Amino acid sequence: MKQSNLIFLLTTSVALAACSMDSSSQNPKASNNSKVSYSSTATEKRINTTECNDSDDWYLDGYRVGKSFKAHKQKMFEERVTYCNYGNKLPKQFKTNWETGFKVGTKKS
């Protein structure tokens, strides 16, 4: 009986210790191994969940910017291009999808 209580206590202690680990030591990463999947501001949250090589994600990001941040269109587009390290090599389809999403996002419902 005492041995089973000791095992239960040790198992519970290990589980609690694992749950209470500092989040910085867990360091959740996105697909390119340098992006954290959470942040404190809307812009950072938008960027940190970006899938750089997903054409649909470019559309969705453009839509989100059009819906909530249309006054910052160019700045937010440039942030995404910079974040994805495309520079002057951005595939045309990604820009087209982003612009299409932005236009749909700015339409009144």
C-alpha atoms as a PDB file:
ATOM      1  CA  MET A   1       0.000   0.000   0.000  1.00  0.00           C
ATOM      2  CA  LYS A   2       2.757   2.458   0.900  1.00  0.00           C
ATOM      3  CA  GLN A   3       4.697   1.619  -2.252  1.00  0.00           C
ATOM      4  CA  SER A   4       1.670   2.379  -4.485  1.00  0.00           C
ATOM      5  CA  ASN A   5       1.191   5.739  -2.711  1.00  0.00           C
ATOM      6  CA  LEU A   6       4.846   6.561  -3.283  1.00  0.00           C
ATOM      7  CA  ILE A   7       4.594   5.654  -6.985  1.00  0.00           C
ATOM      8  CA  PHE A   8       1.437   7.769  -7.308  1.00  0.00           C
ATOM      9  CA  LEU A   9       3.129  10.705  -5.588  1.00  0.00           C
ATOM     10  CA  LEU A  10       6.223  10.488  -7.800  1.00  0.00           C
ATOM     11  CA  THR A  11       4.135  10.166 -10.985  1.00  0.00           C
ATOM     12  CA  THR A  12       2.004  13.152 -10.017  1.00  0.00           C
ATOM     13  CA  SER A  13       5.092  15.219  -9.186  1.00  0.00           C
ATOM     14  CA  VAL A  14       6.680  14.464 -12.553  1.00  0.00           C
ATOM     15  CA  ALA A  15       3.455  15.302 -14.380  1.00  0.00           C
ATOM     16  CA  LEU A  16       3.062  18.600 -12.527  1.00  0.00           C
ATOM     17  CA  ALA A  17       6.679  19.523 -13.153  1.00  0.00           C
ATOM     18  CA  ALA A  18       6.270  18.859 -16.874  1.00  0.00           C
ATOM     19  CA  CYS A  19       3.097  20.956 -17.022  1.00  0.00           C
ATOM     20  CA  SER A  20       4.664  23.890 -15.243  1.00  0.00           C
ATOM     21  CA  MET A  21       7.823  24.080 -17.377  1.00  0.00           C
ATOM     22  CA  ASP A  22       8.749  27.553 -18.543  1.00  0.00           C
ATOM     23  CA  SER A  23       7.270  28.121 -22.025  1.00  0.00           C
ATOM     24  CA  SER A  24      10.588  29.528 -23.232  1.00  0.00           C
ATOM     25  CA  SER A  25      12.198  26.142 -22.708  1.00  0.00           C
ATOM     26  CA  GLN A  26       9.502  24.475 -24.808  1.00  0.00           C
ATOM     27  CA  ASN A  27       9.916  27.056 -27.628  1.00  0.00           C
ATOM     28  CA  PRO A  28       7.130  26.010 -30.034  1.00  0.00           C
ATOM     29  CA  LYS A  29       8.265  26.565 -33.611  1.00  0.00           C
ATOM     30  CA  ALA A  30       6.595  26.957 -36.976  1.00  0.00           C
ATOM     31  CA  SER A  31       7.616  25.203 -40.166  1.00  0.00           C
ATOM     32  CA  ASN A  32      10.870  27.100 -40.782  1.00  0.00           C
ATOM     33  CA  ASN A  33      12.253  26.441 -37.261  1.00  0.00           C
ATOM     34  CA  SER A  34      12.640  30.138 -36.434  1.00  0.00           C
ATOM     35  CA  LYS A  35       9.050  31.321 -35.900  1.00  0.00           C
ATOM     36  CA  VAL A  36       7.263  31.218 -32.566  1.00  0.00           C
ATOM     37  CA  SER A  37       3.602  30.280 -32.914  1.00  0.00           C
ATOM     38  CA  TYR A  38       2.272  32.926 -30.539  1.00  0.00           C
ATOM     39  CA  SER A  39       2.770  36.630 -29.937  1.00  0.00           C
ATOM     40  CA  SER A  40       1.410  39.660 -28.171  1.00  0.00           C
ATOM     41  CA  THR A  41       0.090  41.891 -30.971  1.00  0.00           C
ATOM     42  CA  ALA A  42      -2.324  41.327 -33.845  1.00  0.00           C
ATOM     43  CA  THR A  43       0.339  42.048 -36.464  1.00  0.00           C
ATOM     44  CA  GLU A  44       2.840  39.663 -34.895  1.00  0.00           C
ATOM     45  CA  LYS A  45       0.166  37.017 -34.405  1.00  0.00           C
ATOM     46  CA  ARG A  46      -0.788  37.339 -38.066  1.00  0.00           C
ATOM     47  CA  ILE A  47       2.820  37.038 -39.188  1.00  0.00           C
ATOM     48  CA  ASN A  48       3.856  34.279 -36.768  1.00  0.00           C
ATOM     49  CA  THR A  49       1.165  31.941 -38.077  1.00  0.00           C
ATOM     50  CA  THR A  50       2.164  32.511 -41.713  1.00  0.00           C
ATOM     51  CA  GLU A  51       2.750  29.618 -44.084  1.00  0.00           C
ATOM     52  CA  CYS A  52       5.107  31.208 -46.589  1.00  0.00           C
ATOM     53  CA  ASN A  53       4.767  28.655 -49.379  1.00  0.00           C
ATOM     54  CA  ASP A  54       0.979  28.221 -49.197  1.00  0.00           C
ATOM     55  CA  SER A  55      -0.910  30.119 -51.886  1.00  0.00           C
ATOM     56  CA  ASP A  56      -4.197  29.901 -49.952  1.00  0.00           C
ATOM     57  CA  ASP A  57      -2.522  31.366 -46.870  1.00  0.00           C
ATOM     58  CA  TRP A  58      -1.506  34.432 -48.909  1.00  0.00           C
ATOM     59  CA  TYR A  59      -5.177  34.903 -49.852  1.00  0.00           C
ATOM     60  CA  LEU A  60      -6.308  34.514 -46.227  1.00  0.00           C
ATOM     61  CA  ASP A  61      -3.685  36.968 -45.000  1.00  0.00           C
ATOM     62  CA  GLY A  62      -4.750  39.535 -47.607  1.00  0.00           C
ATOM     63  CA  TYR A  63      -8.364  39.021 -46.542  1.00  0.00           C
ATOM     64  CA  ARG A  64      -7.499  39.535 -42.863  1.00  0.00           C
ATOM     65  CA  VAL A  65      -5.587  42.730 -43.644  1.00  0.00           C
ATOM     66  CA  GLY A  66      -8.456  44.005 -45.820  1.00  0.00           C
ATOM     67  CA  LYS A  67     -11.011  43.209 -43.127  1.00  0.00           C
ATOM     68  CA  SER A  68      -9.184  44.668 -40.131  1.00  0.00           C
ATOM     69  CA  PHE A  69      -6.139  46.704 -41.181  1.00  0.00           C
ATOM     70  CA  LYS A  70      -6.908  48.180 -44.630  1.00  0.00           C
ATOM     71  CA  ALA A  71      -5.178  51.485 -43.819  1.00  0.00           C
ATOM     72  CA  HIS A  72      -1.926  49.536 -43.400  1.00  0.00           C
ATOM     73  CA  LYS A  73      -2.147  47.503 -46.612  1.00  0.00           C
ATOM     74  CA  GLN A  74       1.310  48.183 -48.064  1.00  0.00           C
ATOM     75  CA  LYS A  75       3.136  47.998 -44.726  1.00  0.00           C
ATOM     76  CA  MET A  76       1.555  44.664 -43.837  1.00  0.00           C
ATOM     77  CA  PHE A  77       2.163  43.189 -47.280  1.00  0.00           C
ATOM     78  CA  GLU A  78       5.824  44.205 -47.070  1.00  0.00           C
ATOM     79  CA  GLU A  79       6.063  42.674 -43.572  1.00  0.00           C
ATOM     80  CA  ARG A  80       4.881  39.360 -44.941  1.00  0.00           C
ATOM     81  CA  VAL A  81       7.242  39.429 -47.935  1.00  0.00           C
ATOM     82  CA  THR A  82      10.155  40.277 -45.630  1.00  0.00           C
ATOM     83  CA  TYR A  83       9.144  37.640 -43.083  1.00  0.00           C
ATOM     84  CA  CYS A  84       9.051  34.984 -45.798  1.00  0.00           C
ATOM     85  CA  ASN A  85      12.440  36.104 -47.179  1.00  0.00           C
ATOM     86  CA  TYR A  86      11.167  36.586 -50.733  1.00  0.00           C
ATOM     87  CA  GLY A  87      12.542  40.061 -51.423  1.00  0.00           C
ATOM     88  CA  ASN A  88      12.188  40.664 -55.178  1.00  0.00           C
ATOM     89  CA  LYS A  89      11.557  36.964 -55.859  1.00  0.00           C
ATOM     90  CA  LEU A  90       7.940  36.779 -54.651  1.00  0.00           C
ATOM     91  CA  PRO A  91       5.965  34.383 -56.893  1.00  0.00           C
ATOM     92  CA  LYS A  92       3.305  36.277 -58.846  1.00  0.00           C
ATOM     93  CA  GLN A  93       0.563  33.893 -57.679  1.00  0.00           C
ATOM     94  CA  PHE A  94       1.198  34.774 -54.022  1.00  0.00           C
ATOM     95  CA  LYS A  95       0.874  38.517 -54.665  1.00  0.00           C
ATOM     96  CA  THR A  96      -2.245  37.930 -56.801  1.00  0.00           C
ATOM     97  CA  ASN A  97      -3.850  35.818 -54.076  1.00  0.00           C
ATOM     98  CA  TRP A  98      -2.976  38.379 -51.392  1.00  0.00           C
ATOM     99  CA  GLU A  99      -4.477  41.243 -53.453  1.00  0.00           C
ATOM    100  CA  THR A 100      -7.627  39.207 -54.225  1.00  0.00           C
ATOM    101  CA  GLY A 101      -8.060  38.383 -50.535  1.00  0.00           C
ATOM    102  CA  PHE A 102      -7.540  42.036 -49.608  1.00  0.00           C
ATOM    103  CA  LYS A 103     -10.248  43.163 -52.065  1.00  0.00           C
ATOM    104  CA  VAL A 104     -12.726  40.611 -50.731  1.00  0.00           C
ATOM    105  CA  GLY A 105     -11.859  41.587 -47.146  1.00  0.00           C
ATOM    106  CA  THR A 106     -12.597  45.251 -47.779  1.00  0.00           C
ATOM    107  CA  LYS A 107     -16.084  44.605 -49.179  1.00  0.00           C
ATOM    108  CA  LYS A 108     -18.965  45.450 -46.858  1.00  0.00           C
ATOM    109  CA  SER A 109     -20.992  42.424 -45.779  1.00  0.00           C
END
